[in-house]
Amino acid sequence: MRSSGTVRVNGQCLFYVVQGNGRPVILLHGNGGSNYDLEPTAAVLEANGYLVYSIDSRGQGMNTPVKEYHYTDMAEDVYQFIRAQGLIRPAVFGWSDGGNVALQMEVLHPGTCGMIITSGSNIFPEGVGFGVIDSFKAHAPNIPPLMQMMIDEPTMTFQQMEQIKCPALICAGESDLILESHTRQIAQSIPNGQVLIIRDADHSSHIMYNSRMGQIVVEYLHRMKY
């Protein structure tokens, strides 16, 4: 059964969709997206006996736009959402910016996540390859706020990744925008981290209109006995 709602956290009203029954899994979409982008992933999780919360990040999806964006603010939003829902150490999957937010939340609030799965995420702007950040800067002086966030942030470090204690599966497509070396170093820095480079995939092909990422998440959750 699928339903939707809103919750006020950290000064923001966040739209979310909830479906299924079982252990909780939170889904976080990418920059400028919405819960709709992760519907195929949510459907696979629901079919495999999980309770899925798909959140629209602040200022995106069904939420009212804001003037500026910061990963730390979005991480605090998700942390307060988890507390408001009474969830205990849920699994969190984040794609692209959503993965940045998941990692940032666990850095700011250690022990919040039962486990983390990311795909195509970075912990500082230099982790994005192929001149993407330089192409964003070319829009100056009229850089949209969400794009400006990706130019300036996140500002995490590999040393902070070493402090993440929960299991983590750090993924990227083999043709991802995120440098493979960056993906691998994030995973290697997390004590219980694993890396998965997804063959025949780019930044979004295994997620948008595709159940492949959902299957990867479910396989990892089963392997971790979650």
Protein backbone atom coordinates (compact mmCIF):
# COMPACT_ATOMS: atom_id res chain seq x y z
CA MET A 1 0.00 0.00 0.00
CA ARG A 2 1.37 3.41 -1.01
CA SER A 3 0.55 6.67 0.72
CA SER A 4 2.05 10.14 0.96
CA GLY A 5 2.33 12.87 3.52
CA THR A 6 4.28 15.87 4.72
CA VAL A 7 6.25 16.47 7.88
CA ARG A 8 7.77 19.66 9.25
CA VAL A 9 11.41 19.22 10.24
CA ASN A 10 14.32 21.61 10.60
CA GLY A 11 12.17 24.55 9.47
CA GLN A 12 11.10 22.78 6.28
CA CYS A 13 7.95 21.00 5.19
CA LEU A 14 9.05 17.79 3.45
CA PHE A 15 6.89 15.68 1.18
CA TYR A 16 7.39 11.92 1.34
CA VAL A 17 5.91 8.68 0.09
CA VAL A 18 5.69 5.52 2.21
CA GLN A 19 4.96 2.00 1.00
CA GLY A 20 5.34 -1.60 2.11
CA ASN A 21 5.87 -3.29 5.45
CA GLY A 22 8.91 -4.54 7.33
CA ARG A 23 12.31 -3.11 8.22
CA PRO A 24 12.59 0.58 7.23
CA VAL A 25 14.60 1.79 4.26
CA ILE A 26 14.92 5.48 3.40
CA LEU A 27 15.47 6.56 -0.22
CA LEU A 28 17.11 9.88 -1.11
CA HIS A 29 17.05 11.17 -4.69
CA GLY A 30 19.59 13.18 -6.66
CA ASN A 31 20.04 16.89 -7.34
CA GLY A 32 16.89 18.54 -8.69
CA GLY A 33 14.92 15.30 -8.61
CA SER A 34 12.15 13.82 -6.52
CA ASN A 35 10.91 10.58 -5.00
CA TYR A 36 9.56 9.72 -8.47
CA ASP A 37 13.11 9.03 -9.69
CA LEU A 38 13.45 6.19 -7.21
CA GLU A 39 10.06 4.56 -7.76
CA PRO A 40 11.57 1.46 -9.43
CA THR A 41 13.95 1.04 -6.49
CA ALA A 42 11.12 1.50 -4.01
CA ALA A 43 8.97 -1.07 -5.81
CA VAL A 44 11.68 -3.74 -5.60
CA LEU A 45 12.21 -3.04 -1.90
CA GLU A 46 8.48 -3.19 -1.18
CA ALA A 47 8.17 -6.49 -3.05
CA ASN A 48 10.96 -7.91 -0.89
CA GLY A 49 9.33 -7.06 2.42
CA TYR A 50 10.67 -3.63 3.36
CA LEU A 51 8.94 -0.47 4.58
CA VAL A 52 10.12 2.26 2.21
CA TYR A 53 10.20 6.02 2.86
CA SER A 54 10.99 8.07 -0.25
CA ILE A 55 11.68 11.68 0.72
CA ASP A 56 11.65 14.76 -1.50
CA SER A 57 14.69 16.78 -0.44
CA ARG A 58 14.22 20.38 0.69
CA GLY A 59 13.30 22.75 -2.10
CA GLN A 60 12.86 19.92 -4.61
CA GLY A 61 10.09 17.66 -5.86
CA MET A 62 6.81 18.61 -4.20
CA ASN A 63 8.54 20.96 -1.75
CA THR A 64 8.70 24.75 -1.94
CA PRO A 65 11.99 25.99 -3.48
CA VAL A 66 14.51 27.66 -1.18
CA LYS A 67 17.05 30.40 -1.91
CA GLU A 68 20.16 28.36 -1.17
CA TYR A 69 21.06 24.75 -0.56
CA HIS A 70 23.59 22.99 1.66
CA TYR A 71 24.21 19.31 2.17
CA THR A 72 24.49 19.80 5.93
CA ASP A 73 20.97 21.28 6.00
CA MET A 74 19.56 18.38 3.99
CA ALA A 75 21.38 15.90 6.22
CA GLU A 76 19.79 17.53 9.26
CA ASP A 77 16.39 17.36 7.53
CA VAL A 78 16.72 13.60 7.06
CA TYR A 79 18.01 13.08 10.60
CA GLN A 80 15.00 14.92 12.02
CA PHE A 81 12.69 13.02 9.67
CA ILE A 82 14.02 9.73 11.04
CA ARG A 83 13.42 10.92 14.60
CA ALA A 84 9.94 12.23 13.75
CA GLN A 85 8.98 8.83 12.29
CA GLY A 86 10.38 7.00 15.32
CA LEU A 87 12.77 4.93 13.18
CA ILE A 88 15.71 3.14 14.79
CA ARG A 89 18.86 2.79 12.68
CA PRO A 90 17.12 2.46 9.29
CA ALA A 91 18.96 1.48 6.14
CA VAL A 92 19.48 4.52 3.90
CA PHE A 93 20.00 4.49 0.15
CA GLY A 94 21.07 7.68 -1.57
CA TRP A 95 21.65 8.29 -5.25
CA SER A 96 24.02 11.09 -6.31
CA ASP A 97 23.26 14.04 -3.99
CA GLY A 98 21.14 11.68 -1.90
CA GLY A 99 24.23 9.61 -1.15
CA ASN A 100 26.16 12.74 -0.23
CA VAL A 101 23.36 13.55 2.22
CA ALA A 102 23.36 10.04 3.70
CA LEU A 103 27.11 10.13 4.35
CA GLN A 104 26.92 13.69 5.68
CA MET A 105 24.12 12.72 8.07
CA GLU A 106 26.12 9.83 9.51
CA VAL A 107 29.13 12.14 9.96
CA LEU A 108 27.01 14.71 11.80
CA HIS A 109 24.92 12.18 13.74
CA PRO A 110 26.94 8.98 14.22
CA GLY A 111 24.89 5.85 14.73
CA THR A 112 21.78 7.14 12.93
CA CYS A 113 21.98 4.65 10.05
CA GLY A 114 21.81 0.89 10.33
CA MET A 115 23.61 0.78 7.00
CA ILE A 116 24.24 3.05 4.04
CA ILE A 117 24.10 2.33 0.31
CA THR A 118 25.13 5.05 -2.14
CA SER A 119 25.44 5.28 -5.89
CA GLY A 120 27.28 8.01 -7.77
CA SER A 121 28.09 10.09 -4.71
CA ASN A 122 31.05 12.28 -3.77
CA ILE A 123 32.40 13.74 -0.54
CA PHE A 124 34.02 16.84 -2.11
CA PRO A 125 33.61 18.52 -5.52
CA GLU A 126 36.90 17.22 -6.91
CA GLY A 127 35.43 13.73 -6.81
CA VAL A 128 33.29 14.65 -9.81
CA GLY A 129 35.14 14.03 -13.08
CA PHE A 130 34.85 14.86 -16.78
CA GLY A 131 34.96 18.64 -16.26
CA VAL A 132 31.42 18.68 -14.84
CA ILE A 133 32.16 21.23 -12.12
CA ASP A 134 33.96 23.53 -14.58
CA SER A 135 30.94 23.35 -16.88
CA PHE A 136 28.75 24.44 -13.96
CA LYS A 137 31.05 27.41 -13.27
CA ALA A 138 30.64 28.51 -16.88
CA HIS A 139 27.08 29.58 -15.98
CA ALA A 140 28.43 32.42 -13.80
CA PRO A 141 27.17 34.85 -12.70
CA ASN A 142 23.73 33.21 -13.10
CA ILE A 143 24.39 29.90 -11.39
CA PRO A 144 21.22 28.24 -10.04
CA PRO A 145 21.33 27.53 -6.28
CA LEU A 146 21.34 23.74 -6.63
CA MET A 147 24.22 23.94 -9.09
CA GLN A 148 26.11 26.33 -6.80
CA MET A 149 25.89 23.77 -4.02
CA MET A 150 27.56 21.15 -6.21
CA ILE A 151 30.34 23.61 -7.09
CA ASP A 152 31.10 24.43 -3.45
CA GLU A 153 30.12 21.29 -1.58
CA PRO A 154 30.18 18.76 -0.01
CA THR A 155 33.21 19.44 2.16
CA MET A 156 33.72 16.07 3.82
CA THR A 157 37.04 14.23 4.14
CA PHE A 158 38.27 10.66 3.95
CA GLN A 159 39.23 11.00 7.61
CA GLN A 160 35.56 11.62 8.41
CA MET A 161 34.63 8.52 6.43
CA GLU A 162 36.87 6.55 8.77
CA GLN A 163 34.51 7.49 11.62
CA ILE A 164 31.46 5.88 9.98
CA LYS A 165 30.87 2.62 11.85
CA CYS A 166 27.83 1.19 10.10
CA PRO A 167 28.18 -1.10 7.06
CA ALA A 168 28.24 0.79 3.76
CA LEU A 169 28.03 -0.24 0.12
CA ILE A 170 29.51 2.49 -2.07
CA CYS A 171 28.49 2.09 -5.72
CA ALA A 172 29.01 3.87 -9.00
CA GLY A 173 28.43 3.06 -12.64
CA GLU A 174 31.52 2.13 -14.60
CA SER A 175 30.86 5.22 -16.76
CA ASP A 176 29.74 7.41 -13.86
CA LEU A 177 30.33 11.15 -13.50
CA ILE A 178 32.03 10.34 -10.20
CA LEU A 179 35.64 9.28 -10.54
CA GLU A 180 36.09 5.57 -9.88
CA SER A 181 39.15 6.30 -7.74
CA HIS A 182 37.02 8.58 -5.57
CA THR A 183 34.29 5.94 -5.18
CA ARG A 184 36.86 3.33 -4.23
CA GLN A 185 38.58 5.56 -1.70
CA ILE A 186 35.29 6.40 0.03
CA ALA A 187 34.58 2.68 0.41
CA GLN A 188 38.11 1.90 1.55
CA SER A 189 38.00 4.67 4.16
CA ILE A 190 34.82 3.37 5.82
CA PRO A 191 35.81 0.54 8.20
CA ASN A 192 32.84 -1.63 7.14
CA GLY A 193 32.73 -0.30 3.60
CA GLN A 194 32.47 -2.23 0.34
CA VAL A 195 32.70 -0.96 -3.22
CA LEU A 196 30.66 -1.99 -6.24
CA ILE A 197 31.40 -0.65 -9.72
CA ILE A 198 28.30 -1.45 -11.76
CA ARG A 199 29.04 -2.70 -15.24
CA ASP A 200 27.30 -1.22 -18.27
CA ALA A 201 25.98 1.69 -16.19
CA ASP A 202 26.53 5.43 -16.11
CA HIS A 203 25.37 7.88 -13.44
CA SER A 204 21.66 7.16 -13.82
CA SER A 205 20.98 4.32 -16.27
CA HIS A 206 20.68 1.68 -13.52
CA ILE A 207 18.27 3.83 -11.50
CA MET A 208 15.95 5.96 -13.67
CA TYR A 209 13.10 3.76 -15.01
CA ASN A 210 15.20 0.75 -14.02
CA SER A 211 14.89 -1.82 -11.23
CA ARG A 212 18.58 -2.78 -11.30
CA MET A 213 19.61 -0.59 -8.36
CA GLY A 214 16.71 -1.89 -6.30
CA GLN A 215 17.93 -5.44 -6.84
CA ILE A 216 21.45 -4.43 -5.80
CA VAL A 217 20.13 -2.79 -2.63
CA VAL A 218 17.98 -5.81 -1.75
CA GLU A 219 20.86 -8.23 -2.31
CA TYR A 220 23.06 -6.16 -0.01
CA LEU A 221 20.40 -5.90 2.70
CA HIS A 222 19.85 -9.66 2.56
CA ARG A 223 23.57 -10.31 2.67
CA MET A 224 23.84 -8.07 5.74
CA LYS A 225 20.83 -9.88 7.28
CA TYR A 226 18.82 -6.67 7.52
